[in-house]
Amino acid sequence: MKITKIPKIALHASNVMFVDDKLYVSLANGRLIAIPLSWYPRLTHATAQERANWQILSDSSGRDIIFWESLDELIPAIALIEGIPSRESAKSFNRWLQQRTVSSE
């Protein structure tokens, strides 16, 4: 039996949206990925204004990373494709949550 190797592709995010309890990421190749917001606790606790303040960066291999500077949250596009939730420890998240100050929207 012949095994086909799937080439690694560069994933490019083009848009980020939040609807109800989901994070939606549009990819440049036309795919739309829906992710439970609960996978990313910092985004779950963010205000709508904070969620809207994202940017796309590229890592050293050219893969896109979605970054929310005010939340100190980075999500690689490849993690979304592979279904990998946040790997932040509960201790780190709780420390962030305790230090968090949010102005009213």
PDB file of N, CA and C in Angstrom:
ATOM      1  N   MET A   1       0.837  -1.172   0.000  1.00  0.00           N
ATOM      2  CA  MET A   1       0.000   0.000   0.000  1.00  0.00           C
ATOM      3  C   MET A   1       0.885   1.240   0.000  1.00  0.00           C
ATOM      4  N   LYS A   2       0.520   2.187  -0.834  1.00  0.00           N
ATOM      5  CA  LYS A   2       1.276   3.433  -0.932  1.00  0.00           C
ATOM      6  C   LYS A   2       0.686   4.454   0.042  1.00  0.00           C
ATOM      7  N   ILE A   3       1.555   5.097   0.788  1.00  0.00           N
ATOM      8  CA  ILE A   3       1.124   6.134   1.723  1.00  0.00           C
ATOM      9  C   ILE A   3       1.448   7.491   1.120  1.00  0.00           C
ATOM     10  N   THR A   4       0.440   8.316   1.019  1.00  0.00           N
ATOM     11  CA  THR A   4       0.621   9.652   0.467  1.00  0.00           C
ATOM     12  C   THR A   4       1.015  10.609   1.568  1.00  0.00           C
ATOM     13  N   LYS A   5       2.049  11.367   1.324  1.00  0.00           N
ATOM     14  CA  LYS A   5       2.463  12.383   2.288  1.00  0.00           C
ATOM     15  C   LYS A   5       1.777  13.691   1.956  1.00  0.00           C
ATOM     16  N   ILE A   6       1.232  14.296   2.958  1.00  0.00           N
ATOM     17  CA  ILE A   6       0.567  15.585   2.778  1.00  0.00           C
ATOM     18  C   ILE A   6       1.590  16.674   3.067  1.00  0.00           C
ATOM     19  N   PRO A   7       1.808  17.560   2.109  1.00  0.00           N
ATOM     20  CA  PRO A   7       2.818  18.612   2.327  1.00  0.00           C
ATOM     21  C   PRO A   7       2.352  19.605   3.391  1.00  0.00           C
ATOM     22  N   LYS A   8       3.311  20.133   4.117  1.00  0.00           N
ATOM     23  CA  LYS A   8       2.995  21.191   5.077  1.00  0.00           C
ATOM     24  C   LYS A   8       2.662  22.451   4.300  1.00  0.00           C
ATOM     25  N   ILE A   9       1.586  23.094   4.697  1.00  0.00           N
ATOM     26  CA  ILE A   9       1.174  24.309   4.011  1.00  0.00           C
ATOM     27  C   ILE A   9       1.220  25.483   4.970  1.00  0.00           C
ATOM     28  N   ALA A  10       1.415  26.635   4.416  1.00  0.00           N
ATOM     29  CA  ALA A  10       1.364  27.852   5.221  1.00  0.00           C
ATOM     30  C   ALA A  10      -0.104  28.233   5.369  1.00  0.00           C
ATOM     31  N   LEU A  11      -0.534  28.435   6.578  1.00  0.00           N
ATOM     32  CA  LEU A  11      -1.918  28.806   6.839  1.00  0.00           C
ATOM     33  C   LEU A  11      -1.978  30.301   7.080  1.00  0.00           C
ATOM     34  N   HIS A  12      -2.839  30.955   6.350  1.00  0.00           N
ATOM     35  CA  HIS A  12      -2.946  32.394   6.482  1.00  0.00           C
ATOM     36  C   HIS A  12      -4.357  32.784   6.909  1.00  0.00           C
ATOM     37  N   ALA A  13      -4.453  33.394   8.069  1.00  0.00           N
ATOM     38  CA  ALA A  13      -5.736  33.876   8.577  1.00  0.00           C
ATOM     39  C   ALA A  13      -6.049  35.211   7.923  1.00  0.00           C
ATOM     40  N   SER A  14      -7.320  35.418   7.625  1.00  0.00           N
ATOM     41  CA  SER A  14      -7.699  36.682   6.998  1.00  0.00           C
ATOM     42  C   SER A  14      -8.696  37.487   7.821  1.00  0.00           C
ATOM     43  N   ASN A  15      -9.416  36.828   8.733  1.00  0.00           N
ATOM     44  CA  ASN A  15     -10.392  37.554   9.550  1.00  0.00           C
ATOM     45  C   ASN A  15     -10.691  36.763  10.815  1.00  0.00           C
ATOM     46  N   VAL A  16     -11.094  37.490  11.848  1.00  0.00           N
ATOM     47  CA  VAL A  16     -11.465  36.905  13.124  1.00  0.00           C
ATOM     48  C   VAL A  16     -12.807  37.492  13.526  1.00  0.00           C
ATOM     49  N   MET A  17     -13.720  36.620  13.954  1.00  0.00           N
ATOM     50  CA  MET A  17     -15.052  37.069  14.380  1.00  0.00           C
ATOM     51  C   MET A  17     -15.470  36.303  15.632  1.00  0.00           C
ATOM     52  N   PHE A  18     -16.323  36.921  16.409  1.00  0.00           N
ATOM     53  CA  PHE A  18     -16.878  36.281  17.583  1.00  0.00           C
ATOM     54  C   PHE A  18     -18.396  36.317  17.473  1.00  0.00           C
ATOM     55  N   VAL A  19     -19.022  35.152  17.584  1.00  0.00           N
ATOM     56  CA  VAL A  19     -20.478  35.062  17.566  1.00  0.00           C
ATOM     57  C   VAL A  19     -20.877  34.117  18.685  1.00  0.00           C
ATOM     58  N   ASP A  20     -21.662  34.655  19.613  1.00  0.00           N
ATOM     59  CA  ASP A  20     -22.101  33.882  20.778  1.00  0.00           C
ATOM     60  C   ASP A  20     -20.888  33.281  21.490  1.00  0.00           C
ATOM     61  N   ASP A  21     -20.837  31.975  21.599  1.00  0.00           N
ATOM     62  CA  ASP A  21     -19.748  31.323  22.340  1.00  0.00           C
ATOM     63  C   ASP A  21     -18.720  30.679  21.411  1.00  0.00           C
ATOM     64  N   LYS A  22     -18.570  31.254  20.214  1.00  0.00           N
ATOM     65  CA  LYS A  22     -17.625  30.713  19.238  1.00  0.00           C
ATOM     66  C   LYS A  22     -16.652  31.780  18.734  1.00  0.00           C
ATOM     67  N   LEU A  23     -15.448  31.322  18.441  1.00  0.00           N
ATOM     68  CA  LEU A  23     -14.433  32.115  17.762  1.00  0.00           C
ATOM     69  C   LEU A  23     -14.383  31.581  16.331  1.00  0.00           C
ATOM     70  N   TYR A  24     -14.575  32.462  15.362  1.00  0.00           N
ATOM     71  CA  TYR A  24     -14.512  32.074  13.953  1.00  0.00           C
ATOM     72  C   TYR A  24     -13.281  32.720  13.333  1.00  0.00           C
ATOM     73  N   VAL A  25     -12.528  31.915  12.597  1.00  0.00           N
ATOM     74  CA  VAL A  25     -11.353  32.413  11.907  1.00  0.00           C
ATOM     75  C   VAL A  25     -11.484  32.043  10.437  1.00  0.00           C
ATOM     76  N   SER A  26     -11.445  33.055   9.584  1.00  0.00           N
ATOM     77  CA  SER A  26     -11.452  32.837   8.137  1.00  0.00           C
ATOM     78  C   SER A  26     -10.015  32.684   7.680  1.00  0.00           C
ATOM     79  N   LEU A  27      -9.778  31.696   6.839  1.00  0.00           N
ATOM     80  CA  LEU A  27      -8.463  31.485   6.264  1.00  0.00           C
ATOM     81  C   LEU A  27      -8.451  31.999   4.838  1.00  0.00           C
ATOM     82  N   ALA A  28      -7.292  32.377   4.369  1.00  0.00           N
ATOM     83  CA  ALA A  28      -7.150  32.935   3.024  1.00  0.00           C
ATOM     84  C   ALA A  28      -7.555  31.938   1.945  1.00  0.00           C
ATOM     85  N   ASN A  29      -7.515  30.637   2.248  1.00  0.00           N
ATOM     86  CA  ASN A  29      -7.892  29.624   1.257  1.00  0.00           C
ATOM     87  C   ASN A  29      -9.400  29.388   1.202  1.00  0.00           C
ATOM     88  N   GLY A  30     -10.177  30.196   1.932  1.00  0.00           N
ATOM     89  CA  GLY A  30     -11.635  30.106   1.885  1.00  0.00           C
ATOM     90  C   GLY A  30     -12.278  29.322   3.009  1.00  0.00           C
ATOM     91  N   ARG A  31     -11.495  28.650   3.816  1.00  0.00           N
ATOM     92  CA  ARG A  31     -12.078  27.891   4.917  1.00  0.00           C
ATOM     93  C   ARG A  31     -12.459  28.812   6.067  1.00  0.00           C
ATOM     94  N   LEU A  32     -13.489  28.401   6.805  1.00  0.00           N
ATOM     95  CA  LEU A  32     -13.931  29.105   8.007  1.00  0.00           C
ATOM     96  C   LEU A  32     -13.887  28.091   9.138  1.00  0.00           C
ATOM     97  N   ILE A  33     -13.145  28.410  10.174  1.00  0.00           N
ATOM     98  CA  ILE A  33     -12.980  27.508  11.311  1.00  0.00           C
ATOM     99  C   ILE A  33     -13.770  28.067  12.485  1.00  0.00           C
ATOM    100  N   ALA A  34     -14.559  27.216  13.133  1.00  0.00           N
ATOM    101  CA  ALA A  34     -15.302  27.601  14.333  1.00  0.00           C
ATOM    102  C   ALA A  34     -14.691  26.874  15.527  1.00  0.00           C
ATOM    103  N   ILE A  35     -14.394  27.633  16.570  1.00  0.00           N
ATOM    104  CA  ILE A  35     -13.742  27.084  17.749  1.00  0.00           C
ATOM    105  C   ILE A  35     -14.544  27.503  18.976  1.00  0.00           C
ATOM    106  N   PRO A  36     -14.751  26.589  19.929  1.00  0.00           N
ATOM    107  CA  PRO A  36     -15.419  27.002  21.166  1.00  0.00           C
ATOM    108  C   PRO A  36     -14.593  28.076  21.872  1.00  0.00           C
ATOM    109  N   LEU A  37     -15.238  29.157  22.215  1.00  0.00           N
ATOM    110  CA  LEU A  37     -14.547  30.252  22.899  1.00  0.00           C
ATOM    111  C   LEU A  37     -13.961  29.785  24.231  1.00  0.00           C
ATOM    112  N   SER A  38     -14.586  28.804  24.842  1.00  0.00           N
ATOM    113  CA  SER A  38     -14.110  28.286  26.128  1.00  0.00           C
ATOM    114  C   SER A  38     -12.708  27.683  26.029  1.00  0.00           C
ATOM    115  N   TRP A  39     -12.231  27.388  24.826  1.00  0.00           N
ATOM    116  CA  TRP A  39     -10.875  26.873  24.665  1.00  0.00           C
ATOM    117  C   TRP A  39      -9.831  27.928  24.987  1.00  0.00           C
ATOM    118  N   TYR A  40     -10.226  29.183  24.981  1.00  0.00           N
ATOM    119  CA  TYR A  40      -9.292  30.287  25.207  1.00  0.00           C
ATOM    120  C   TYR A  40      -9.845  31.199  26.307  1.00  0.00           C
ATOM    121  N   PRO A  41      -9.533  30.881  27.567  1.00  0.00           N
ATOM    122  CA  PRO A  41     -10.116  31.611  28.702  1.00  0.00           C
ATOM    123  C   PRO A  41      -9.892  33.122  28.672  1.00  0.00           C
ATOM    124  N   ARG A  42      -8.749  33.571  28.182  1.00  0.00           N
ATOM    125  CA  ARG A  42      -8.525  35.023  28.142  1.00  0.00           C
ATOM    126  C   ARG A  42      -9.514  35.686  27.187  1.00  0.00           C
ATOM    127  N   LEU A  43      -9.804  35.041  26.070  1.00  0.00           N
ATOM    128  CA  LEU A  43     -10.793  35.588  25.148  1.00  0.00           C
ATOM    129  C   LEU A  43     -12.200  35.500  25.737  1.00  0.00           C
ATOM    130  N   THR A  44     -12.458  34.450  26.494  1.00  0.00           N
ATOM    131  CA  THR A  44     -13.755  34.301  27.151  1.00  0.00           C
ATOM    132  C   THR A  44     -14.011  35.463  28.107  1.00  0.00           C
ATOM    133  N   HIS A  45     -12.981  35.914  28.812  1.00  0.00           N
ATOM    134  CA  HIS A  45     -13.111  36.990  29.793  1.00  0.00           C
ATOM    135  C   HIS A  45     -12.882  38.382  29.205  1.00  0.00           C
ATOM    136  N   ALA A  46     -12.607  38.459  27.936  1.00  0.00           N
ATOM    137  CA  ALA A  46     -12.331  39.750  27.289  1.00  0.00           C
ATOM    138  C   ALA A  46     -13.621  40.490  26.961  1.00  0.00           C
ATOM    139  N   THR A  47     -13.497  41.785  26.883  1.00  0.00           N
ATOM    140  CA  THR A  47     -14.618  42.608  26.433  1.00  0.00           C
ATOM    141  C   THR A  47     -14.692  42.527  24.905  1.00  0.00           C
ATOM    142  N   ALA A  48     -15.811  42.948  24.347  1.00  0.00           N
ATOM    143  CA  ALA A  48     -15.957  42.971  22.885  1.00  0.00           C
ATOM    144  C   ALA A  48     -14.879  43.861  22.257  1.00  0.00           C
ATOM    145  N   GLN A  49     -14.577  44.965  22.915  1.00  0.00           N
ATOM    146  CA  GLN A  49     -13.553  45.878  22.405  1.00  0.00           C
ATOM    147  C   GLN A  49     -12.180  45.204  22.396  1.00  0.00           C
ATOM    148  N   GLU A  50     -11.858  44.479  23.451  1.00  0.00           N
ATOM    149  CA  GLU A  50     -10.571  43.773  23.511  1.00  0.00           C
ATOM    150  C   GLU A  50     -10.498  42.673  22.446  1.00  0.00           C
ATOM    151  N   ARG A  51     -11.579  41.954  22.270  1.00  0.00           N
ATOM    152  CA  ARG A  51     -11.605  40.893  21.254  1.00  0.00           C
ATOM    153  C   ARG A  51     -11.418  41.445  19.849  1.00  0.00           C
ATOM    154  N   ALA A  52     -11.937  42.628  19.617  1.00  0.00           N
ATOM    155  CA  ALA A  52     -11.852  43.231  18.279  1.00  0.00           C
ATOM    156  C   ALA A  52     -10.458  43.767  17.965  1.00  0.00           C
ATOM    157  N   ASN A  53      -9.611  43.868  18.955  1.00  0.00           N
ATOM    158  CA  ASN A  53      -8.274  44.446  18.788  1.00  0.00           C
ATOM    159  C   ASN A  53      -7.235  43.345  18.564  1.00  0.00           C
ATOM    160  N   TRP A  54      -7.307  42.677  17.411  1.00  0.00           N
ATOM    161  CA  TRP A  54      -6.388  41.595  17.077  1.00  0.00           C
ATOM    162  C   TRP A  54      -5.552  41.994  15.863  1.00  0.00           C
ATOM    163  N   GLN A  55      -4.460  41.279  15.712  1.00  0.00           N
ATOM    164  CA  GLN A  55      -3.631  41.462  14.534  1.00  0.00           C
ATOM    165  C   GLN A  55      -3.037  40.120  14.136  1.00  0.00           C
ATOM    166  N   ILE A  56      -2.607  40.028  12.902  1.00  0.00           N
ATOM    167  CA  ILE A  56      -2.011  38.791  12.413  1.00  0.00           C
ATOM    168  C   ILE A  56      -0.514  38.994  12.273  1.00  0.00           C
ATOM    169  N   LEU A  57       0.241  38.115  12.914  1.00  0.00           N
ATOM    170  CA  LEU A  57       1.695  38.104  12.837  1.00  0.00           C
ATOM    171  C   LEU A  57       2.114  36.818  12.139  1.00  0.00           C
ATOM    172  N   SER A  58       3.352  36.725  11.731  1.00  0.00           N
ATOM    173  CA  SER A  58       3.874  35.489  11.144  1.00  0.00           C
ATOM    174  C   SER A  58       5.056  35.006  11.967  1.00  0.00           C
ATOM    175  N   ASP A  59       5.119  33.682  12.159  1.00  0.00           N
ATOM    176  CA  ASP A  59       6.272  33.128  12.865  1.00  0.00           C
ATOM    177  C   ASP A  59       7.432  32.942  11.882  1.00  0.00           C
ATOM    178  N   SER A  60       8.521  32.404  12.352  1.00  0.00           N
ATOM    179  CA  SER A  60       9.723  32.290  11.522  1.00  0.00           C
ATOM    180  C   SER A  60       9.541  31.356  10.323  1.00  0.00           C
ATOM    181  N   SER A  61       8.536  30.479  10.372  1.00  0.00           N
ATOM    182  CA  SER A  61       8.299  29.580   9.238  1.00  0.00           C
ATOM    183  C   SER A  61       7.206  30.104   8.306  1.00  0.00           C
ATOM    184  N   GLY A  62       6.730  31.326   8.561  1.00  0.00           N
ATOM    185  CA  GLY A  62       5.733  31.925   7.689  1.00  0.00           C
ATOM    186  C   GLY A  62       4.298  31.590   8.038  1.00  0.00           C
ATOM    187  N   ARG A  63       4.087  30.893   9.130  1.00  0.00           N
ATOM    188  CA  ARG A  63       2.725  30.557   9.555  1.00  0.00           C
ATOM    189  C   ARG A  63       2.139  31.719  10.355  1.00  0.00           C
ATOM    190  N   ASP A  64       0.857  31.929  10.170  1.00  0.00           N
ATOM    191  CA  ASP A  64       0.185  33.037  10.850  1.00  0.00           C
ATOM    192  C   ASP A  64      -0.125  32.720  12.308  1.00  0.00           C
ATOM    193  N   ILE A  65      -0.068  33.780  13.099  1.00  0.00           N
ATOM    194  CA  ILE A  65      -0.423  33.745  14.512  1.00  0.00           C
ATOM    195  C   ILE A  65      -1.370  34.913  14.739  1.00  0.00           C
ATOM    196  N   ILE A  66      -2.493  34.644  15.395  1.00  0.00           N
ATOM    197  CA  ILE A  66      -3.430  35.711  15.727  1.00  0.00           C
ATOM    198  C   ILE A  66      -3.053  36.208  17.122  1.00  0.00           C
ATOM    199  N   PHE A  67      -2.901  37.516  17.255  1.00  0.00           N
ATOM    200  CA  PHE A  67      -2.364  38.105  18.481  1.00  0.00           C
ATOM    201  C   PHE A  67      -3.275  39.205  18.997  1.00  0.00           C
ATOM    202  N   TRP A  68      -3.602  39.104  20.283  1.00  0.00           N
ATOM    203  CA  TRP A  68      -4.336  40.145  21.006  1.00  0.00           C
ATOM    204  C   TRP A  68      -3.365  40.725  22.031  1.00  0.00           C
ATOM    205  N   GLU A  69      -2.797  41.860  21.707  1.00  0.00           N
ATOM    206  CA  GLU A  69      -1.752  42.438  22.558  1.00  0.00           C
ATOM    207  C   GLU A  69      -2.264  42.749  23.963  1.00  0.00           C
ATOM    208  N   SER A  70      -3.422  43.375  24.071  1.00  0.00           N
ATOM    209  CA  SER A  70      -3.920  43.783  25.390  1.00  0.00           C
ATOM    210  C   SER A  70      -4.254  42.583  26.276  1.00  0.00           C
ATOM    211  N   LEU A  71      -4.478  41.417  25.675  1.00  0.00           N
ATOM    212  CA  LEU A  71      -4.790  40.208  26.433  1.00  0.00           C
ATOM    213  C   LEU A  71      -3.579  39.291  26.582  1.00  0.00           C
ATOM    214  N   ASP A  72      -2.501  39.637  25.893  1.00  0.00           N
ATOM    215  CA  ASP A  72      -1.303  38.800  25.842  1.00  0.00           C
ATOM    216  C   ASP A  72      -1.678  37.384  25.408  1.00  0.00           C
ATOM    217  N   GLU A  73      -2.484  37.303  24.350  1.00  0.00           N
ATOM    218  CA  GLU A  73      -2.969  36.020  23.821  1.00  0.00           C
ATOM    219  C   GLU A  73      -2.462  35.818  22.405  1.00  0.00           C
ATOM    220  N   LEU A  74      -1.836  34.685  22.169  1.00  0.00           N
ATOM    221  CA  LEU A  74      -1.336  34.290  20.848  1.00  0.00           C
ATOM    222  C   LEU A  74      -1.972  32.958  20.477  1.00  0.00           C
ATOM    223  N   ILE A  75      -2.550  32.885  19.283  1.00  0.00           N
ATOM    224  CA  ILE A  75      -3.106  31.614  18.818  1.00  0.00           C
ATOM    225  C   ILE A  75      -2.571  31.339  17.418  1.00  0.00           C
ATOM    226  N   PRO A  76      -1.726  30.317  17.283  1.00  0.00           N
ATOM    227  CA  PRO A  76      -1.239  29.962  15.954  1.00  0.00           C
ATOM    228  C   PRO A  76      -2.383  29.401  15.102  1.00  0.00           C
ATOM    229  N   ALA A  77      -2.439  29.780  13.841  1.00  0.00           N
ATOM    230  CA  ALA A  77      -3.482  29.271  12.953  1.00  0.00           C
ATOM    231  C   ALA A  77      -3.440  27.747  12.886  1.00  0.00           C
ATOM    232  N   ILE A  78      -2.266  27.172  12.923  1.00  0.00           N
ATOM    233  CA  ILE A  78      -2.136  25.720  12.865  1.00  0.00           C
ATOM    234  C   ILE A  78      -2.802  25.052  14.073  1.00  0.00           C
ATOM    235  N   ALA A  79      -2.793  25.701  15.223  1.00  0.00           N
ATOM    236  CA  ALA A  79      -3.451  25.144  16.418  1.00  0.00           C
ATOM    237  C   ALA A  79      -4.956  25.063  16.201  1.00  0.00           C
ATOM    238  N   LEU A  80      -5.515  26.023  15.480  1.00  0.00           N
ATOM    239  CA  LEU A  80      -6.942  26.006  15.198  1.00  0.00           C
ATOM    240  C   LEU A  80      -7.291  24.840  14.278  1.00  0.00           C
ATOM    241  N   ILE A  81      -6.482  24.632  13.250  1.00  0.00           N
ATOM    242  CA  ILE A  81      -6.701  23.527  12.308  1.00  0.00           C
ATOM    243  C   ILE A  81      -6.581  22.184  13.026  1.00  0.00           C
ATOM    244  N   GLU A  82      -5.613  22.077  13.913  1.00  0.00           N
ATOM    245  CA  GLU A  82      -5.363  20.811  14.598  1.00  0.00           C
ATOM    246  C   GLU A  82      -6.228  20.614  15.842  1.00  0.00           C
ATOM    247  N   GLY A  83      -7.052  21.610  16.176  1.00  0.00           N
ATOM    248  CA  GLY A  83      -7.961  21.473  17.322  1.00  0.00           C
ATOM    249  C   GLY A  83      -7.265  21.505  18.665  1.00  0.00           C
ATOM    250  N   ILE A  84      -6.263  22.352  18.781  1.00  0.00           N
ATOM    251  CA  ILE A  84      -5.498  22.443  20.031  1.00  0.00           C
ATOM    252  C   ILE A  84      -5.960  23.663  20.823  1.00  0.00           C
ATOM    253  N   PRO A  85      -6.569  23.453  21.982  1.00  0.00           N
ATOM    254  CA  PRO A  85      -6.987  24.592  22.815  1.00  0.00           C
ATOM    255  C   PRO A  85      -5.790  25.238  23.522  1.00  0.00           C
ATOM    256  N   SER A  86      -6.071  26.299  24.248  1.00  0.00           N
ATOM    257  CA  SER A  86      -5.027  26.993  25.003  1.00  0.00           C
ATOM    258  C   SER A  86      -4.303  26.013  25.919  1.00  0.00           C
ATOM    259  N   ARG A  87      -3.011  26.194  25.997  1.00  0.00           N
ATOM    260  CA  ARG A  87      -2.209  25.350  26.891  1.00  0.00           C
ATOM    261  C   ARG A  87      -1.763  26.113  28.133  1.00  0.00           C
ATOM    262  N   GLU A  88      -2.386  27.260  28.361  1.00  0.00           N
ATOM    263  CA  GLU A  88      -2.027  28.055  29.532  1.00  0.00           C
ATOM    264  C   GLU A  88      -2.442  27.316  30.798  1.00  0.00           C
ATOM    265  N   SER A  89      -1.574  27.321  31.775  1.00  0.00           N
ATOM    266  CA  SER A  89      -1.884  26.647  33.040  1.00  0.00           C
ATOM    267  C   SER A  89      -2.936  27.435  33.815  1.00  0.00           C
ATOM    268  N   ALA A  90      -3.640  26.747  34.679  1.00  0.00           N
ATOM    269  CA  ALA A  90      -4.649  27.397  35.521  1.00  0.00           C
ATOM    270  C   ALA A  90      -3.991  28.452  36.414  1.00  0.00           C
ATOM    271  N   LYS A  91      -2.802  28.168  36.898  1.00  0.00           N
ATOM    272  CA  LYS A  91      -2.091  29.114  37.757  1.00  0.00           C
ATOM    273  C   LYS A  91      -1.789  30.407  37.001  1.00  0.00           C
ATOM    274  N   SER A  92      -1.283  30.285  35.773  1.00  0.00           N
ATOM    275  CA  SER A  92      -0.977  31.457  34.964  1.00  0.00           C
ATOM    276  C   SER A  92      -2.239  32.248  34.646  1.00  0.00           C
ATOM    277  N   PHE A  93      -3.294  31.546  34.250  1.00  0.00           N
ATOM    278  CA  PHE A  93      -4.541  32.227  33.913  1.00  0.00           C
ATOM    279  C   PHE A  93      -5.118  32.946  35.123  1.00  0.00           C
ATOM    280  N   ASN A  94      -5.136  32.299  36.276  1.00  0.00           N
ATOM    281  CA  ASN A  94      -5.680  32.927  37.491  1.00  0.00           C
ATOM    282  C   ASN A  94      -4.878  34.154  37.899  1.00  0.00           C
ATOM    283  N   ARG A  95      -3.567  34.097  37.742  1.00  0.00           N
ATOM    284  CA  ARG A  95      -2.728  35.259  38.034  1.00  0.00           C
ATOM    285  C   ARG A  95      -3.087  36.403  37.083  1.00  0.00           C
ATOM    286  N   TRP A  96      -3.242  36.102  35.796  1.00  0.00           N
ATOM    287  CA  TRP A  96      -3.635  37.114  34.810  1.00  0.00           C
ATOM    288  C   TRP A  96      -5.002  37.701  35.159  1.00  0.00           C
ATOM    289  N   LEU A  97      -5.931  36.842  35.522  1.00  0.00           N
ATOM    290  CA  LEU A  97      -7.287  37.287  35.837  1.00  0.00           C
ATOM    291  C   LEU A  97      -7.295  38.202  37.062  1.00  0.00           C
ATOM    292  N   GLN A  98      -6.498  37.885  38.075  1.00  0.00           N
ATOM    293  CA  GLN A  98      -6.435  38.708  39.286  1.00  0.00           C
ATOM    294  C   GLN A  98      -5.806  40.056  39.025  1.00  0.00           C
ATOM    295  N   GLN A  99      -4.870  40.140  38.110  1.00  0.00           N
ATOM    296  CA  GLN A  99      -4.175  41.392  37.807  1.00  0.00           C
ATOM    297  C   GLN A  99      -4.924  42.235  36.778  1.00  0.00           C
ATOM    298  N   ARG A 100      -5.954  41.666  36.211  1.00  0.00           N
ATOM    299  CA  ARG A 100      -6.679  42.302  35.118  1.00  0.00           C
ATOM    300  C   ARG A 100      -7.495  43.506  35.589  1.00  0.00           C
ATOM    301  N   THR A 101      -7.352  44.586  34.840  1.00  0.00           N
ATOM    302  CA  THR A 101      -8.203  45.746  35.055  1.00  0.00           C
ATOM    303  C   THR A 101      -8.826  46.091  33.716  1.00  0.00           C
ATOM    304  N   VAL A 102     -10.127  46.186  33.702  1.00  0.00           N
ATOM    305  CA  VAL A 102     -10.845  46.456  32.467  1.00  0.00           C
ATOM    306  C   VAL A 102     -11.643  47.730  32.649  1.00  0.00           C
ATOM    307  N   SER A 103     -11.437  48.666  31.739  1.00  0.00           N
ATOM    308  CA  SER A 103     -12.244  49.876  31.780  1.00  0.00           C
ATOM    309  C   SER A 103     -13.585  49.572  31.127  1.00  0.00           C
ATOM    310  N   SER A 104     -14.591  50.302  31.487  1.00  0.00           N
ATOM    311  CA  SER A 104     -15.913  50.057  30.903  1.00  0.00           C
ATOM    312  C   SER A 104     -15.901  50.409  29.437  1.00  0.00           C
ATOM    313  N   GLU A 105     -16.700  49.648  28.662  1.00  0.00           N
ATOM    314  CA  GLU A 105     -16.727  49.857  27.199  1.00  0.00           C
ATOM    315  C   GLU A 105     -17.500  51.081  26.822  1.00  0.00           C
TER     316      GLU A 105
END
